[in-house]
Amino acid sequence: MPSTPQLYSLPYLFDSARLFSAIAAQPWSIFLDSGLAEKRQGRYDIFATDPVCTLITHGAETQVCSGNNTQVSTQDPFALIKQQLTVQKSFPEVPFNGGAMGYFAYDLGRQLEKLPNLTADAEHIPDMAVGIYQWAVVVDHQEQKSYLVGCADSEHQWQALIEQFSVYPETMTVDKFQVTSPVQANMSEENYAQAFAKIKKYLQEGDCYQVNLAQRFVANCQGDPWAAYQQLREINSAPFSGYFNVPGVQVLSSSPERFLKVYQGMVEAKPIKGTRPRKENEQENQQQIDALQNSHKDRAENVMIVDLLRNDISKNCIPSSVQVPKIFEVESYATVHHLVSTVTGQLDEKYHALDLLRNCFPGGSITGAPKIRAMEVIEELEPHRRGVYCGAIAYIGFDGNMDSNIAIRTLVHSEHTIRFWAGGGIVNDSVLEEEYQECFDKAAAMLSLLEQMQVS
């Protein structure tokens, strides 16, 4: 077939996971999931496999593999991705026309800023894993349309993709996933209290204004992590979810938070700060929403991060274009309510979406303010590296469009263990018991998942 990208209409897929299931076990298969169709909060699902190039970063080195050619580079990893994104024909009907998809771990920030090296690295995974995909399936749940977009190596391969994704399987068959040990946190309540007190001291001294403190939870496991993701999306559907099968590590995300979106040069960020657990009783639930909406503490936290993001985005946007059209809106999810604001801007034409991602990375909503000092405090007080947690899962298209999440509510599977993290922002008027409990409110869905999959 011609190398010119094409757009082919497929039968509409109500549940994209059924089709992705057929390729979930393939290396570098990726599923950007806007949530279960009946709980739809997002609009588009995107999935693909078989990238034409992969980029894997460990520390200062990035391995770039294309066909049989492998090179190791010490160049900036964001610049290396940009080199692979040659401009191609695109179709406005879909948000992604092929390009880069993958994860950017929180610890990739060590390549961008000088940080101390104090925490234990128990992750043993790449700091960045990104594939360059020449085709993808895009499902538009608002218009109830599905597409195959991009190109293939041959007309035969293109037709095979059309045939494969035109048949909607009745059922999915996946192997079991089992948790084989209790879930262990890396902080006791006493450890958390000591870290909390240290942060309070820094805040009172004016060293910083807000610091995000997180706990890491880990359990042993066996089986197919795709099965675990199937269950996760049932109990914690979220609009910026995803499953990514990198060789040796799988990422299972049910994130509610958009980090950065770029569409035709327009930039949007939606930072979350402020959380309340959901209640089953309707009246109590409304009380939780009202309390969150009217909380001076949560509003103050939210404003700090909005200001941080406005500053970060302004590095690559036309300064006068940066606005906050929505502030302090409550969004409700499976287990919690969140206070969400929206920051927008117009990307300066001399910059690429990857420049914006680099200059805003990692997201301020999961570090604190000022960002670098908050990251230094996190490095001092958290026992383990964060890995993918609080990094981002993203696509960056050949056309320059981008969307990304903050990788919260995210599990990571490798070496027969599964891990996740939960935390929150600490400010001057934070209360120890409330912040400690908030960790478990945010962890509720993931703890429930692992409990359901526990070997009896």
Protein backbone atom coordinates (compact mmCIF):
# COMPACT_ATOMS: atom_id res chain seq x y z
CA MET A 1 0.00 0.00 0.00
CA PRO A 2 1.15 3.64 -0.38
CA SER A 3 3.06 5.04 2.60
CA THR A 4 0.52 7.87 2.77
CA PRO A 5 -1.58 7.50 5.95
CA GLN A 6 -5.18 6.40 5.53
CA LEU A 7 -8.35 6.55 7.61
CA TYR A 8 -10.60 3.48 7.44
CA SER A 9 -14.00 3.25 9.16
CA LEU A 10 -14.45 0.14 11.32
CA PRO A 11 -17.61 -1.18 12.99
CA TYR A 12 -18.22 0.76 16.22
CA LEU A 13 -16.71 -0.95 19.26
CA PHE A 14 -18.79 -0.48 22.41
CA ASP A 15 -16.10 -2.06 24.61
CA SER A 16 -12.68 -1.54 23.07
CA ALA A 17 -11.09 -3.86 25.63
CA ARG A 18 -12.61 -6.86 23.87
CA LEU A 19 -10.62 -6.15 20.73
CA PHE A 20 -7.49 -5.07 22.54
CA SER A 21 -7.57 -8.35 24.46
CA ALA A 22 -6.41 -10.14 21.30
CA ILE A 23 -3.16 -8.12 21.25
CA ALA A 24 -2.72 -7.39 24.98
CA ALA A 25 0.02 -10.00 25.39
CA GLN A 26 2.09 -8.67 22.49
CA PRO A 27 5.21 -6.70 23.43
CA TRP A 28 4.61 -2.94 23.30
CA SER A 29 0.84 -3.25 23.06
CA ILE A 30 -0.80 -0.13 24.51
CA PHE A 31 -4.41 0.74 25.33
CA LEU A 32 -5.38 4.33 26.20
CA ASP A 33 -8.76 3.79 27.81
CA SER A 34 -11.35 6.48 28.48
CA GLY A 35 -13.32 4.20 30.78
CA LEU A 36 -16.13 1.69 30.47
CA ALA A 37 -18.69 2.75 27.89
CA GLU A 38 -21.62 2.68 30.30
CA LYS A 39 -19.67 4.91 32.73
CA ARG A 40 -18.24 7.09 29.99
CA GLN A 41 -16.43 10.18 31.23
CA GLY A 42 -13.93 10.38 28.40
CA ARG A 43 -14.56 10.17 24.67
CA TYR A 44 -11.79 8.33 22.81
CA ASP A 45 -10.11 4.95 23.23
CA ILE A 46 -6.83 4.42 21.36
CA PHE A 47 -4.89 1.18 21.02
CA ALA A 48 -2.01 -0.19 18.98
CA THR A 49 0.91 -2.60 18.97
CA ASP A 50 3.98 -3.42 16.87
CA PRO A 51 5.78 -0.05 16.98
CA VAL A 52 8.31 0.70 14.23
CA CYS A 53 10.72 2.19 16.78
CA THR A 54 11.12 1.96 20.56
CA LEU A 55 12.92 4.28 22.97
CA ILE A 56 13.93 3.01 26.42
CA THR A 57 15.68 5.30 28.89
CA HIS A 58 17.74 4.14 31.88
CA GLY A 59 19.42 7.02 33.66
CA ALA A 60 21.30 9.20 31.17
CA GLU A 61 21.16 6.66 28.32
CA THR A 62 18.35 5.99 25.86
CA GLN A 63 18.32 2.89 23.68
CA VAL A 64 16.68 3.63 20.32
CA CYS A 65 15.67 0.47 18.42
CA SER A 66 14.37 0.59 14.86
CA GLY A 67 14.17 -2.70 12.98
CA ASN A 68 17.52 -4.42 13.38
CA ASN A 69 19.27 -1.14 14.18
CA THR A 70 19.94 -0.27 17.85
CA GLN A 71 21.71 2.86 19.03
CA VAL A 72 22.44 4.18 22.50
CA SER A 73 22.26 7.93 22.97
CA THR A 74 22.87 10.35 25.83
CA GLN A 75 20.78 13.04 24.14
CA ASP A 76 17.75 14.49 25.87
CA PRO A 77 15.08 11.73 25.67
CA PHE A 78 12.34 14.21 24.73
CA ALA A 79 14.47 15.43 21.82
CA LEU A 80 15.04 11.84 20.69
CA ILE A 81 11.28 11.26 20.49
CA LYS A 82 10.84 14.50 18.57
CA GLN A 83 13.36 13.28 15.98
CA GLN A 84 11.07 10.31 15.25
CA LEU A 85 7.92 12.39 14.72
CA THR A 86 8.15 13.44 11.09
CA VAL A 87 5.09 15.39 9.94
CA GLN A 88 2.58 13.24 8.07
CA LYS A 89 -0.90 13.62 6.64
CA SER A 90 -3.48 13.67 9.41
CA PHE A 91 -7.25 13.38 9.73
CA PRO A 92 -9.24 15.76 11.96
CA GLU A 93 -11.83 13.05 12.70
CA VAL A 94 -9.43 11.42 15.17
CA PRO A 95 -7.22 12.90 17.92
CA PHE A 96 -4.29 10.51 17.27
CA ASN A 97 -2.96 9.88 13.77
CA GLY A 98 -0.03 7.69 14.73
CA GLY A 99 3.12 8.75 16.56
CA ALA A 100 4.57 8.24 20.03
CA MET A 101 2.80 6.48 22.91
CA GLY A 102 4.24 5.31 26.20
CA TYR A 103 5.18 6.27 29.73
CA PHE A 104 7.45 8.90 31.25
CA ALA A 105 8.34 7.85 34.80
CA TYR A 106 8.52 10.37 37.63
CA ASP A 107 12.22 9.53 37.93
CA LEU A 108 12.84 10.79 34.41
CA GLY A 109 12.82 14.15 36.18
CA ARG A 110 16.33 13.32 37.38
CA GLN A 111 17.49 13.96 33.81
CA LEU A 112 15.88 17.40 33.86
CA GLU A 113 16.80 18.70 37.31
CA LYS A 114 19.67 18.14 39.76
CA LEU A 115 18.16 16.09 42.56
CA PRO A 116 19.74 14.19 45.44
CA ASN A 117 19.92 10.40 45.09
CA LEU A 118 18.64 9.12 48.43
CA THR A 119 15.67 6.80 47.85
CA ALA A 120 15.98 3.08 47.18
CA ASP A 121 15.31 1.96 43.60
CA ALA A 122 13.11 -1.09 44.05
CA GLU A 123 11.44 -0.62 40.65
CA HIS A 124 14.21 -1.82 38.28
CA ILE A 125 12.28 -0.50 35.27
CA PRO A 126 13.05 2.07 32.55
CA ASP A 127 12.66 5.77 33.31
CA MET A 128 10.97 6.12 29.93
CA ALA A 129 9.42 3.59 27.54
CA VAL A 130 7.94 4.98 24.33
CA GLY A 131 6.99 3.35 21.03
CA ILE A 132 6.51 5.00 17.64
CA TYR A 133 3.32 3.53 16.14
CA GLN A 134 2.50 3.85 12.47
CA TRP A 135 -1.12 2.71 12.96
CA ALA A 136 -3.74 2.78 15.69
CA VAL A 137 -7.38 1.96 16.30
CA VAL A 138 -9.33 4.99 17.55
CA VAL A 139 -12.82 4.59 19.01
CA ASP A 140 -15.02 7.68 19.34
CA HIS A 141 -17.73 6.89 21.89
CA GLN A 142 -19.46 10.24 21.48
CA GLU A 143 -20.04 9.76 17.74
CA GLN A 144 -20.14 5.94 18.09
CA LYS A 145 -17.56 5.48 15.35
CA SER A 146 -14.34 3.47 15.12
CA TYR A 147 -11.37 3.96 12.83
CA LEU A 148 -8.13 2.36 11.76
CA VAL A 149 -5.72 5.22 11.09
CA GLY A 150 -2.15 5.33 9.78
CA CYS A 151 -0.32 2.99 7.44
CA ALA A 152 1.24 -0.46 7.33
CA ASP A 153 4.25 -2.07 5.69
CA SER A 154 2.13 -3.60 2.93
CA GLU A 155 -1.39 -3.72 1.52
CA HIS A 156 -1.67 -7.27 2.88
CA GLN A 157 -0.83 -6.13 6.42
CA TRP A 158 -3.29 -3.21 6.21
CA GLN A 159 -6.09 -5.52 5.09
CA ALA A 160 -5.21 -7.97 7.87
CA LEU A 161 -5.57 -5.17 10.44
CA ILE A 162 -8.94 -4.20 8.98
CA GLU A 163 -10.15 -7.78 9.21
CA GLN A 164 -8.82 -8.30 12.73
CA PHE A 165 -10.50 -5.19 14.16
CA SER A 166 -13.77 -5.53 12.26
CA VAL A 167 -14.88 -8.60 14.21
CA TYR A 168 -16.27 -7.89 17.66
CA PRO A 169 -15.63 -10.93 19.90
CA GLU A 170 -18.46 -12.02 22.15
CA THR A 171 -16.23 -12.83 25.10
CA MET A 172 -12.68 -12.29 26.25
CA THR A 173 -10.46 -15.10 27.44
CA VAL A 174 -7.65 -14.06 29.76
CA ASP A 175 -5.47 -15.97 32.17
CA LYS A 176 -6.01 -15.57 35.87
CA PHE A 177 -4.14 -13.08 38.01
CA GLN A 178 -3.50 -13.92 41.64
CA VAL A 179 -2.07 -12.00 44.59
CA THR A 180 0.03 -14.39 46.65
CA SER A 181 0.99 -12.30 49.68
CA PRO A 182 -0.47 -9.60 51.93
CA VAL A 183 -0.18 -6.00 50.72
CA GLN A 184 2.66 -4.23 52.53
CA ALA A 185 3.08 -0.45 52.85
CA ASN A 186 6.55 1.09 52.94
CA MET A 187 5.53 3.41 55.80
CA SER A 188 3.98 2.58 59.14
CA GLU A 189 1.63 5.14 60.62
CA GLU A 190 4.54 6.20 62.83
CA ASN A 191 6.89 6.56 59.84
CA TYR A 192 4.28 8.65 58.04
CA ALA A 193 3.83 10.87 61.11
CA GLN A 194 7.58 11.49 61.28
CA ALA A 195 7.72 12.48 57.59
CA PHE A 196 4.62 14.65 58.06
CA ALA A 197 6.25 16.47 60.99
CA LYS A 198 9.39 17.10 58.95
CA ILE A 199 7.33 18.59 56.11
CA LYS A 200 5.42 20.77 58.57
CA LYS A 201 8.77 22.09 59.85
CA TYR A 202 9.88 22.95 56.29
CA LEU A 203 6.54 24.68 55.67
CA GLN A 204 6.73 26.72 58.87
CA GLU A 205 10.26 27.82 58.02
CA GLY A 206 9.07 29.02 54.61
CA ASP A 207 11.25 26.47 52.83
CA CYS A 208 8.27 25.43 50.65
CA TYR A 209 4.52 25.90 50.51
CA GLN A 210 3.24 22.42 49.74
CA VAL A 211 4.80 18.94 49.51
CA ASN A 212 3.17 15.80 48.17
CA LEU A 213 3.90 12.79 50.41
CA ALA A 214 3.11 9.28 49.14
CA GLN A 215 3.22 5.71 50.43
CA ARG A 216 4.15 2.70 48.32
CA PHE A 217 2.15 -0.55 48.61
CA VAL A 218 3.45 -3.87 47.26
CA ALA A 219 2.33 -7.50 47.03
CA ASN A 220 3.64 -10.66 45.39
CA CYS A 221 1.62 -11.99 42.48
CA GLN A 222 1.42 -14.39 39.56
CA GLY A 223 -0.52 -14.61 36.32
CA ASP A 224 -1.64 -12.20 33.61
CA PRO A 225 -1.70 -8.50 34.61
CA TRP A 226 -4.15 -7.81 31.75
CA ALA A 227 -6.70 -9.81 33.78
CA ALA A 228 -6.02 -7.51 36.73
CA TYR A 229 -6.55 -4.46 34.53
CA GLN A 230 -9.90 -5.85 33.36
CA GLN A 231 -11.03 -5.97 36.96
CA LEU A 232 -9.53 -2.56 37.80
CA ARG A 233 -11.51 -0.79 35.07
CA GLU A 234 -14.68 -2.45 36.39
CA ILE A 235 -14.24 -1.11 39.92
CA ASN A 236 -12.50 2.20 39.18
CA SER A 237 -13.40 3.40 35.70
CA ALA A 238 -11.60 6.67 34.92
CA PRO A 239 -11.19 8.89 31.84
CA PHE A 240 -7.38 8.80 31.62
CA SER A 241 -6.82 5.09 32.14
CA GLY A 242 -4.41 2.87 30.27
CA TYR A 243 -2.66 -0.47 29.98
CA PHE A 244 0.87 -0.67 28.60
CA ASN A 245 2.75 -3.93 28.08
CA VAL A 246 6.44 -3.13 27.90
CA PRO A 247 8.71 -6.20 27.86
CA GLY A 248 9.34 -7.00 31.52
CA VAL A 249 6.90 -4.49 32.98
CA GLN A 250 3.19 -3.76 32.68
CA VAL A 251 1.50 -0.50 33.68
CA LEU A 252 -2.17 -0.54 34.80
CA SER A 253 -3.52 2.98 35.24
CA SER A 254 -6.98 4.22 36.22
CA SER A 255 -6.06 7.88 36.48
CA PRO A 256 -8.73 10.59 36.73
CA GLU A 257 -6.26 13.41 36.03
CA ARG A 258 -5.28 14.99 32.73
CA PHE A 259 -1.75 16.39 32.79
CA LEU A 260 -1.35 18.24 29.47
CA LYS A 261 -3.36 18.22 26.27
CA VAL A 262 -2.36 19.93 23.03
CA TYR A 263 -4.83 20.07 20.15
CA GLN A 264 -4.09 22.30 17.17
CA GLY A 265 -1.88 24.42 19.38
CA MET A 266 -4.38 24.87 22.21
CA VAL A 267 -3.06 23.69 25.59
CA GLU A 268 -5.15 22.40 28.49
CA ALA A 269 -4.15 21.14 31.94
CA LYS A 270 -6.57 19.94 34.62
CA PRO A 271 -4.77 19.74 38.00
CA ILE A 272 -6.43 17.92 40.89
CA LYS A 273 -6.00 19.10 44.46
CA GLY A 274 -8.60 18.26 47.09
CA THR A 275 -10.19 14.87 47.81
CA ARG A 276 -13.13 13.44 49.74
CA PRO A 277 -14.25 9.78 49.83
CA ARG A 278 -17.58 8.90 48.25
CA LYS A 279 -20.44 7.78 50.48
CA GLU A 280 -23.22 5.33 49.63
CA ASN A 281 -25.93 7.49 51.20
CA GLU A 282 -26.97 10.24 48.76
CA GLN A 283 -27.33 12.89 51.46
CA GLU A 284 -23.94 12.09 52.99
CA ASN A 285 -22.40 12.07 49.53
CA GLN A 286 -23.71 15.59 48.84
CA GLN A 287 -22.33 16.72 52.19
CA GLN A 288 -18.91 15.45 51.10
CA ILE A 289 -19.17 17.40 47.83
CA ASP A 290 -20.25 20.58 49.65
CA ALA A 291 -17.45 20.22 52.21
CA LEU A 292 -14.87 19.82 49.44
CA GLN A 293 -16.26 22.72 47.41
CA ASN A 294 -16.15 25.05 50.42
CA SER A 295 -12.88 23.89 52.04
CA HIS A 296 -10.47 26.83 52.43
CA LYS A 297 -7.58 24.40 52.84
CA ASP A 298 -8.33 22.46 49.65
CA ARG A 299 -8.90 25.66 47.70
CA ALA A 300 -5.57 27.02 48.92
CA GLU A 301 -3.81 23.79 47.83
CA ASN A 302 -5.51 23.97 44.46
CA VAL A 303 -4.53 27.61 43.88
CA MET A 304 -0.87 26.86 44.64
CA ILE A 305 -0.76 24.18 41.97
CA VAL A 306 -2.75 26.26 39.47
CA ASP A 307 -0.18 29.04 39.88
CA LEU A 308 2.66 26.55 39.45
CA LEU A 309 1.11 25.16 36.26
CA ARG A 310 0.44 28.64 34.88
CA ASN A 311 4.13 29.37 35.34
CA ASP A 312 5.24 26.05 33.76
CA ILE A 313 2.90 26.38 30.77
CA SER A 314 3.97 29.98 30.17
CA LYS A 315 7.48 28.77 29.29
CA ASN A 316 6.14 27.49 25.95
CA CYS A 317 2.85 29.34 25.50
CA ILE A 318 2.16 32.87 24.37
CA PRO A 319 2.21 34.54 27.84
CA SER A 320 -0.98 36.58 27.39
CA SER A 321 -2.85 33.41 26.36
CA VAL A 322 -2.52 31.54 29.68
CA GLN A 323 -5.89 31.56 31.45
CA VAL A 324 -7.81 29.73 34.21
CA PRO A 325 -11.33 29.35 32.74
CA LYS A 326 -12.53 26.93 35.44
CA ILE A 327 -11.49 26.72 39.07
CA PHE A 328 -12.60 24.61 42.05
CA GLU A 329 -14.97 22.32 40.14
CA VAL A 330 -15.90 19.05 41.86
CA GLU A 331 -15.57 15.91 39.73
CA SER A 332 -16.81 12.58 41.09
CA TYR A 333 -15.26 9.17 40.45
CA ALA A 334 -15.79 5.60 41.61
CA THR A 335 -14.40 6.01 45.12
CA VAL A 336 -13.63 9.73 45.61
CA HIS A 337 -14.61 13.30 44.76
CA HIS A 338 -11.87 15.65 43.51
CA LEU A 339 -11.46 19.42 43.30
CA VAL A 340 -10.33 20.19 39.75
CA SER A 341 -9.27 23.37 37.97
CA THR A 342 -8.54 24.03 34.29
CA VAL A 343 -5.57 25.97 32.93
CA THR A 344 -5.37 26.80 29.21
CA GLY A 345 -2.98 28.51 26.81
CA GLN A 346 -1.87 28.85 23.20
CA LEU A 347 1.36 27.00 22.35
CA ASP A 348 3.91 29.34 20.79
CA GLU A 349 4.50 28.24 17.18
CA LYS A 350 8.26 27.89 17.76
CA TYR A 351 7.66 25.09 20.30
CA HIS A 352 6.58 21.46 19.98
CA ALA A 353 4.21 19.64 22.33
CA LEU A 354 7.24 17.69 23.62
CA ASP A 355 8.91 20.95 24.64
CA LEU A 356 5.84 21.72 26.73
CA LEU A 357 5.81 18.24 28.26
CA ARG A 358 9.49 18.49 29.12
CA ASN A 359 9.23 21.91 30.71
CA CYS A 360 6.20 20.98 32.82
CA PHE A 361 7.51 17.55 33.87
CA PRO A 362 6.78 16.10 36.37
CA GLY A 363 3.37 17.62 37.03
CA GLY A 364 3.20 20.11 39.88
CA SER A 365 0.02 18.60 41.30
CA ILE A 366 2.01 15.60 42.51
CA THR A 367 5.19 17.37 43.67
CA GLY A 368 4.20 20.51 45.54
CA ALA A 369 5.47 24.07 45.37
CA PRO A 370 8.01 25.33 44.64
CA LYS A 371 8.49 22.25 42.49
CA ILE A 372 12.23 21.58 42.74
CA ARG A 373 12.39 22.09 46.50
CA ALA A 374 9.30 19.88 46.94
CA MET A 375 10.99 17.14 44.87
CA GLU A 376 14.08 17.38 47.08
CA VAL A 377 11.91 16.91 50.18
CA ILE A 378 10.12 13.94 48.54
CA GLU A 379 13.53 12.40 47.83
CA GLU A 380 14.52 12.89 51.47
CA LEU A 381 11.36 11.50 53.08
CA GLU A 382 9.92 8.78 50.83
CA PRO A 383 11.72 5.42 51.26
CA HIS A 384 11.46 4.29 47.61
CA ARG A 385 11.60 5.79 44.14
CA ARG A 386 8.26 6.45 42.56
CA GLY A 387 8.95 4.96 39.14
CA VAL A 388 5.93 5.37 36.85
CA TYR A 389 3.78 6.73 39.69
CA CYS A 390 3.29 10.49 39.33
CA GLY A 391 4.94 10.43 35.92
CA ALA A 392 2.76 10.44 32.81
CA ILE A 393 1.27 8.13 30.20
CA ALA A 394 0.92 10.01 26.92
CA TYR A 395 0.50 10.08 23.19
CA ILE A 396 2.27 12.64 21.01
CA GLY A 397 1.15 12.44 17.39
CA PHE A 398 3.00 12.97 14.14
CA ASP A 399 0.67 15.98 13.79
CA GLY A 400 1.87 17.57 17.05
CA ASN A 401 -1.29 16.81 19.04
CA MET A 402 -0.76 15.38 22.52
CA ASP A 403 -2.70 14.14 25.52
CA SER A 404 -1.31 12.82 28.79
CA ASN A 405 -2.34 11.79 32.24
CA ILE A 406 -0.77 12.12 35.65
CA ALA A 407 -0.05 8.48 36.49
CA ILE A 408 -1.92 8.33 39.80
CA ARG A 409 -4.22 5.39 40.75
CA THR A 410 -1.65 3.36 38.85
CA LEU A 411 -0.30 -0.15 39.44
CA VAL A 412 3.02 -1.41 38.09
CA HIS A 413 3.73 -5.12 37.56
CA SER A 414 7.17 -6.66 37.16
CA GLU A 415 9.39 -9.29 38.77
CA HIS A 416 6.30 -11.10 40.19
CA THR A 417 5.26 -8.12 42.28
CA ILE A 418 2.57 -5.50 41.84
CA ARG A 419 2.94 -2.03 43.34
CA PHE A 420 0.93 1.14 43.67
CA TRP A 421 1.23 4.41 45.54
CA ALA A 422 -1.14 6.86 47.22
CA GLY A 423 -0.52 10.22 48.80
CA GLY A 424 -1.54 13.84 49.03
CA GLY A 425 -0.37 17.40 49.35
CA ILE A 426 0.69 18.62 52.78
CA VAL A 427 0.23 22.32 53.58
CA ASN A 428 0.54 24.36 56.77
CA ASP A 429 -2.96 23.63 58.06
CA SER A 430 -2.96 19.93 57.13
CA VAL A 431 -4.03 17.56 59.93
CA LEU A 432 -1.96 14.38 60.33
CA GLU A 433 -4.85 11.95 60.82
CA GLU A 434 -6.79 13.38 57.86
CA GLU A 435 -3.81 13.23 55.49
CA TYR A 436 -2.93 9.68 56.53
CA GLN A 437 -6.54 8.59 55.95
CA GLU A 438 -6.59 10.34 52.56
CA CYS A 439 -3.85 7.97 51.38
CA PHE A 440 -6.20 5.04 52.01
CA ASP A 441 -9.21 6.83 50.50
CA LYS A 442 -7.23 7.22 47.28
CA ALA A 443 -5.89 3.66 47.51
CA ALA A 444 -9.35 2.15 48.11
CA ALA A 445 -9.99 0.83 44.59
CA MET A 446 -6.51 -0.67 44.24
CA LEU A 447 -6.60 -2.26 47.68
CA SER A 448 -10.03 -3.68 46.79
CA LEU A 449 -8.66 -5.06 43.51
CA LEU A 450 -5.76 -6.85 45.19
CA GLU A 451 -8.05 -8.15 47.95
CA GLN A 452 -10.42 -9.63 45.33
CA MET A 453 -7.49 -11.36 43.63
CA GLN A 454 -5.92 -12.66 46.84
CA VAL A 455 -5.26 -16.39 46.92
CA SER A 456 -7.46 -17.80 49.68
